[in-house]
Amino acid sequence: MAKEEIKKLIENSKKIIDQDKDDFTKSIKNDLSSFKKSTLTKI
């Protein structure tokens, strides 16, 4: 029982971490895109 519970917790943690990584990556890309646009409009 304990092994199965631990395995499920690890799998869930991996899914959460992967989702957080994807969200973080999207956020960085959006920030860079916004920065490029604002910089170009200033020029």
C-alpha atoms as a PDB file:
ATOM      1  CA  MET A   1       0.000   0.000   0.000  1.00  0.00           C
ATOM      2  CA  ALA A   2       2.631   2.530   0.993  1.00  0.00           C
ATOM      3  CA  LYS A   3       4.613   2.003  -2.208  1.00  0.00           C
ATOM      4  CA  GLU A   4       1.557   2.639  -4.361  1.00  0.00           C
ATOM      5  CA  GLU A   5       0.675   5.796  -2.442  1.00  0.00           C
ATOM      6  CA  ILE A   6       4.217   7.114  -2.765  1.00  0.00           C
ATOM      7  CA  LYS A   7       4.233   6.286  -6.467  1.00  0.00           C
ATOM      8  CA  LYS A   8       0.972   8.210  -6.979  1.00  0.00           C
ATOM      9  CA  LEU A   9       2.294  11.192  -5.014  1.00  0.00           C
ATOM     10  CA  ILE A  10       5.461  11.267  -7.109  1.00  0.00           C
ATOM     11  CA  GLU A  11       3.491  11.071 -10.353  1.00  0.00           C
ATOM     12  CA  ASN A  12       1.189  13.876  -9.231  1.00  0.00           C
ATOM     13  CA  SER A  13       4.154  15.999  -8.175  1.00  0.00           C
ATOM     14  CA  LYS A  14       5.784  15.463 -11.562  1.00  0.00           C
ATOM     15  CA  LYS A  15       2.604  16.590 -13.346  1.00  0.00           C
ATOM     16  CA  ILE A  16       2.391  19.708 -11.172  1.00  0.00           C
ATOM     17  CA  ILE A  17       6.057  20.554 -11.698  1.00  0.00           C
ATOM     18  CA  ASP A  18       5.755  20.076 -15.467  1.00  0.00           C
ATOM     19  CA  GLN A  19       2.682  22.335 -15.554  1.00  0.00           C
ATOM     20  CA  ASP A  20       4.450  24.987 -13.467  1.00  0.00           C
ATOM     21  CA  LYS A  21       7.449  24.836 -15.797  1.00  0.00           C
ATOM     22  CA  ASP A  22       5.217  25.285 -18.841  1.00  0.00           C
ATOM     23  CA  ASP A  23       3.415  28.217 -17.224  1.00  0.00           C
ATOM     24  CA  PHE A  24       6.716  29.814 -16.256  1.00  0.00           C
ATOM     25  CA  THR A  25       8.076  29.392 -19.786  1.00  0.00           C
ATOM     26  CA  LYS A  26       4.953  30.974 -21.293  1.00  0.00           C
ATOM     27  CA  SER A  27       5.178  33.846 -18.834  1.00  0.00           C
ATOM     28  CA  ILE A  28       8.813  34.543 -19.735  1.00  0.00           C
ATOM     29  CA  LYS A  29       8.025  34.435 -23.467  1.00  0.00           C
ATOM     30  CA  ASN A  30       5.102  36.830 -23.005  1.00  0.00           C
ATOM     31  CA  ASP A  31       7.269  39.203 -20.978  1.00  0.00           C
ATOM     32  CA  LEU A  32       9.956  39.170 -23.655  1.00  0.00           C
ATOM     33  CA  SER A  33       7.393  39.782 -26.359  1.00  0.00           C
ATOM     34  CA  SER A  34       5.917  42.718 -24.442  1.00  0.00           C
ATOM     35  CA  PHE A  35       9.366  44.125 -23.846  1.00  0.00           C
ATOM     36  CA  LYS A  36      10.208  43.897 -27.558  1.00  0.00           C
ATOM     37  CA  LYS A  37       6.978  45.652 -28.534  1.00  0.00           C
ATOM     38  CA  SER A  38       7.404  48.441 -26.017  1.00  0.00           C
ATOM     39  CA  THR A  39      11.020  48.916 -27.030  1.00  0.00           C
ATOM     40  CA  LEU A  40      10.142  49.087 -30.718  1.00  0.00           C
ATOM     41  CA  THR A  41       7.392  51.613 -30.122  1.00  0.00           C
ATOM     42  CA  LYS A  42       9.819  53.847 -28.207  1.00  0.00           C
ATOM     43  CA  ILE A  43      12.272  53.830 -31.121  1.00  0.00           C
END
